[in-house]
Amino acid sequence: MSRKKRTTGRSVKRSRRTTVSQPAIGAEEDRRSVAATVGWLLAALATLLGTIVALVVSLAAPSTEGSMLALLAEYLLVASRISGAVALLMTPVVYAVRPDRPPRAVVVAVFAIGAAPWVIHAARLLL
């Protein structure tokens, strides 16, 4: 006794998916170049976030010198200046260890982000 499969009246099309083996992204890069690039961009991201939060807190803080919010804003700017200096100093390292150059827009953005806390600090000293 053979059983027939019931069909619902719809024809089922089975598509064959062809798998194309692509090399992993950055297969030609070694771990040093990936680590340098990730550290470089994380330093820039930490600088950006610290600078933005410091500016928001300093705008929200009362103008009194000893308030906690003013101290927090100053602390965040110090931390942003340190991580900004790290991001700026890592740029030549990234150029040296990467087999291909990072995009120009990323490099310009990292320079602007890394210099921003220093520019804010200089503006505060002059004003």
C-alpha atoms as a PDB file:
ATOM      1  CA  MET A   1       0.000   0.000   0.000  1.00  0.00           C
ATOM      2  CA  SER A   2       1.577   3.140  -1.112  1.00  0.00           C
ATOM      3  CA  ARG A   3       0.402   6.391   0.228  1.00  0.00           C
ATOM      4  CA  LYS A   4       0.235   9.479  -1.856  1.00  0.00           C
ATOM      5  CA  LYS A   5       1.143  12.824  -0.437  1.00  0.00           C
ATOM      6  CA  ARG A   6      -1.694  15.209  -0.284  1.00  0.00           C
ATOM      7  CA  THR A   7      -1.249  18.348  -2.254  1.00  0.00           C
ATOM      8  CA  THR A   8      -3.091  21.538  -1.605  1.00  0.00           C
ATOM      9  CA  GLY A   9      -3.328  22.395  -5.227  1.00  0.00           C
ATOM     10  CA  ARG A  10      -0.500  24.898  -5.088  1.00  0.00           C
ATOM     11  CA  SER A  11       2.702  24.160  -6.777  1.00  0.00           C
ATOM     12  CA  VAL A  12       5.640  24.633  -4.508  1.00  0.00           C
ATOM     13  CA  LYS A  13       8.609  26.236  -6.113  1.00  0.00           C
ATOM     14  CA  ARG A  14      11.873  25.527  -4.515  1.00  0.00           C
ATOM     15  CA  SER A  15      14.523  27.998  -5.246  1.00  0.00           C
ATOM     16  CA  ARG A  16      18.065  26.930  -5.188  1.00  0.00           C
ATOM     17  CA  ARG A  17      20.247  29.317  -3.369  1.00  0.00           C
ATOM     18  CA  THR A  18      23.704  29.457  -4.633  1.00  0.00           C
ATOM     19  CA  THR A  19      26.196  30.178  -1.963  1.00  0.00           C
ATOM     20  CA  VAL A  20      29.060  32.289  -3.028  1.00  0.00           C
ATOM     21  CA  SER A  21      31.984  32.005  -0.729  1.00  0.00           C
ATOM     22  CA  GLN A  22      33.301  35.453  -0.056  1.00  0.00           C
ATOM     23  CA  PRO A  23      36.447  36.115   1.852  1.00  0.00           C
ATOM     24  CA  ALA A  24      35.981  37.496   5.313  1.00  0.00           C
ATOM     25  CA  ILE A  25      36.053  41.253   5.569  1.00  0.00           C
ATOM     26  CA  GLY A  26      39.586  42.327   6.126  1.00  0.00           C
ATOM     27  CA  ALA A  27      41.024  38.891   5.434  1.00  0.00           C
ATOM     28  CA  GLU A  28      44.286  40.450   4.332  1.00  0.00           C
ATOM     29  CA  GLU A  29      44.644  42.398   7.592  1.00  0.00           C
ATOM     30  CA  ASP A  30      46.393  41.008  10.606  1.00  0.00           C
ATOM     31  CA  ARG A  31      45.293  41.336  14.213  1.00  0.00           C
ATOM     32  CA  ARG A  32      47.574  44.290  14.921  1.00  0.00           C
ATOM     33  CA  SER A  33      46.018  46.454  12.259  1.00  0.00           C
ATOM     34  CA  VAL A  34      42.493  45.540  13.331  1.00  0.00           C
ATOM     35  CA  ALA A  35      43.321  46.211  16.986  1.00  0.00           C
ATOM     36  CA  ALA A  36      44.912  49.564  16.150  1.00  0.00           C
ATOM     37  CA  THR A  37      41.934  50.602  14.045  1.00  0.00           C
ATOM     38  CA  VAL A  38      39.399  49.574  16.678  1.00  0.00           C
ATOM     39  CA  GLY A  39      41.349  51.339  19.436  1.00  0.00           C
ATOM     40  CA  TRP A  40      41.689  54.449  17.293  1.00  0.00           C
ATOM     41  CA  LEU A  41      37.967  54.647  16.599  1.00  0.00           C
ATOM     42  CA  LEU A  42      37.025  53.817  20.199  1.00  0.00           C
ATOM     43  CA  ALA A  43      39.242  56.648  21.425  1.00  0.00           C
ATOM     44  CA  ALA A  44      37.520  58.988  18.976  1.00  0.00           C
ATOM     45  CA  LEU A  45      34.090  57.771  20.077  1.00  0.00           C
ATOM     46  CA  ALA A  46      34.952  58.230  23.759  1.00  0.00           C
ATOM     47  CA  THR A  47      36.179  61.737  22.971  1.00  0.00           C
ATOM     48  CA  LEU A  48      33.019  62.596  21.081  1.00  0.00           C
ATOM     49  CA  LEU A  49      30.678  61.307  23.772  1.00  0.00           C
ATOM     50  CA  GLY A  50      32.648  62.914  26.593  1.00  0.00           C
ATOM     51  CA  THR A  51      32.735  66.258  24.821  1.00  0.00           C
ATOM     52  CA  ILE A  52      29.024  66.237  24.030  1.00  0.00           C
ATOM     53  CA  VAL A  53      28.048  65.274  27.579  1.00  0.00           C
ATOM     54  CA  ALA A  54      30.439  67.866  29.020  1.00  0.00           C
ATOM     55  CA  LEU A  55      28.900  70.589  26.868  1.00  0.00           C
ATOM     56  CA  VAL A  56      25.358  69.572  27.782  1.00  0.00           C
ATOM     57  CA  VAL A  57      26.206  69.401  31.490  1.00  0.00           C
ATOM     58  CA  SER A  58      28.045  72.723  31.424  1.00  0.00           C
ATOM     59  CA  LEU A  59      25.045  74.387  29.794  1.00  0.00           C
ATOM     60  CA  ALA A  60      22.715  72.868  32.387  1.00  0.00           C
ATOM     61  CA  ALA A  61      25.008  73.557  35.348  1.00  0.00           C
ATOM     62  CA  PRO A  62      24.630  76.678  37.405  1.00  0.00           C
ATOM     63  CA  SER A  63      27.425  79.165  36.980  1.00  0.00           C
ATOM     64  CA  THR A  64      28.663  78.722  40.536  1.00  0.00           C
ATOM     65  CA  GLU A  65      32.223  77.528  40.696  1.00  0.00           C
ATOM     66  CA  GLY A  66      31.850  74.684  43.195  1.00  0.00           C
ATOM     67  CA  SER A  67      28.702  72.965  41.958  1.00  0.00           C
ATOM     68  CA  MET A  68      28.843  69.250  41.297  1.00  0.00           C
ATOM     69  CA  LEU A  69      27.599  69.616  37.735  1.00  0.00           C
ATOM     70  CA  ALA A  70      30.318  72.139  36.929  1.00  0.00           C
ATOM     71  CA  LEU A  71      32.923  69.770  38.367  1.00  0.00           C
ATOM     72  CA  LEU A  72      31.468  66.886  36.355  1.00  0.00           C
ATOM     73  CA  ALA A  73      31.640  68.934  33.158  1.00  0.00           C
ATOM     74  CA  GLU A  74      35.267  69.847  33.864  1.00  0.00           C
ATOM     75  CA  TYR A  75      36.148  66.220  34.627  1.00  0.00           C
ATOM     76  CA  LEU A  76      34.538  65.073  31.379  1.00  0.00           C
ATOM     77  CA  LEU A  77      36.466  67.674  29.411  1.00  0.00           C
ATOM     78  CA  VAL A  78      39.736  66.507  30.974  1.00  0.00           C
ATOM     79  CA  ALA A  79      38.892  62.902  30.085  1.00  0.00           C
ATOM     80  CA  SER A  80      37.929  64.011  26.576  1.00  0.00           C
ATOM     81  CA  ARG A  81      41.218  65.849  26.131  1.00  0.00           C
ATOM     82  CA  ILE A  82      43.129  62.713  27.138  1.00  0.00           C
ATOM     83  CA  SER A  83      41.173  60.380  24.854  1.00  0.00           C
ATOM     84  CA  GLY A  84      41.311  62.992  22.085  1.00  0.00           C
ATOM     85  CA  ALA A  85      45.089  63.109  22.366  1.00  0.00           C
ATOM     86  CA  VAL A  86      45.149  59.305  22.175  1.00  0.00           C
ATOM     87  CA  ALA A  87      42.983  59.384  19.045  1.00  0.00           C
ATOM     88  CA  LEU A  88      45.190  62.022  17.435  1.00  0.00           C
ATOM     89  CA  LEU A  89      48.405  60.195  18.320  1.00  0.00           C
ATOM     90  CA  MET A  90      47.073  56.857  17.064  1.00  0.00           C
ATOM     91  CA  THR A  91      46.384  58.199  13.573  1.00  0.00           C
ATOM     92  CA  PRO A  92      49.974  57.709  12.320  1.00  0.00           C
ATOM     93  CA  VAL A  93      50.016  54.267  13.949  1.00  0.00           C
ATOM     94  CA  VAL A  94      46.881  53.263  12.049  1.00  0.00           C
ATOM     95  CA  TYR A  95      48.424  54.509   8.806  1.00  0.00           C
ATOM     96  CA  ALA A  96      51.565  52.487   9.521  1.00  0.00           C
ATOM     97  CA  VAL A  97      49.970  49.138  10.394  1.00  0.00           C
ATOM     98  CA  ARG A  98      47.007  49.036   8.010  1.00  0.00           C
ATOM     99  CA  PRO A  99      47.625  47.597   4.542  1.00  0.00           C
ATOM    100  CA  ASP A 100      45.139  50.090   3.092  1.00  0.00           C
ATOM    101  CA  ARG A 101      44.548  53.657   4.175  1.00  0.00           C
ATOM    102  CA  PRO A 102      41.447  54.522   6.186  1.00  0.00           C
ATOM    103  CA  PRO A 103      38.853  56.647   4.386  1.00  0.00           C
ATOM    104  CA  ARG A 104      39.694  60.333   4.284  1.00  0.00           C
ATOM    105  CA  ALA A 105      36.317  61.302   5.773  1.00  0.00           C
ATOM    106  CA  VAL A 106      36.989  59.111   8.808  1.00  0.00           C
ATOM    107  CA  VAL A 107      40.454  60.604   9.303  1.00  0.00           C
ATOM    108  CA  VAL A 108      39.106  64.156   9.054  1.00  0.00           C
ATOM    109  CA  ALA A 109      36.312  63.311  11.501  1.00  0.00           C
ATOM    110  CA  VAL A 110      38.794  61.803  13.981  1.00  0.00           C
ATOM    111  CA  PHE A 111      41.001  64.899  13.736  1.00  0.00           C
ATOM    112  CA  ALA A 112      38.009  67.191  14.326  1.00  0.00           C
ATOM    113  CA  ILE A 113      36.742  65.086  17.223  1.00  0.00           C
ATOM    114  CA  GLY A 114      40.201  64.780  18.784  1.00  0.00           C
ATOM    115  CA  ALA A 115      40.867  68.505  18.538  1.00  0.00           C
ATOM    116  CA  ALA A 116      37.431  69.642  19.773  1.00  0.00           C
ATOM    117  CA  PRO A 117      38.092  69.292  23.542  1.00  0.00           C
ATOM    118  CA  TRP A 118      41.386  71.150  23.150  1.00  0.00           C
ATOM    119  CA  VAL A 119      39.666  73.964  21.256  1.00  0.00           C
ATOM    120  CA  ILE A 120      36.965  74.176  23.943  1.00  0.00           C
ATOM    121  CA  HIS A 121      39.638  74.270  26.643  1.00  0.00           C
ATOM    122  CA  ALA A 122      41.538  77.042  24.845  1.00  0.00           C
ATOM    123  CA  ALA A 123      38.329  79.032  24.348  1.00  0.00           C
ATOM    124  CA  ARG A 124      37.509  78.748  28.054  1.00  0.00           C
ATOM    125  CA  LEU A 125      40.974  79.968  28.988  1.00  0.00           C
ATOM    126  CA  LEU A 126      40.738  82.954  26.665  1.00  0.00           C
ATOM    127  CA  LEU A 127      37.233  83.979  27.715  1.00  0.00           C
END
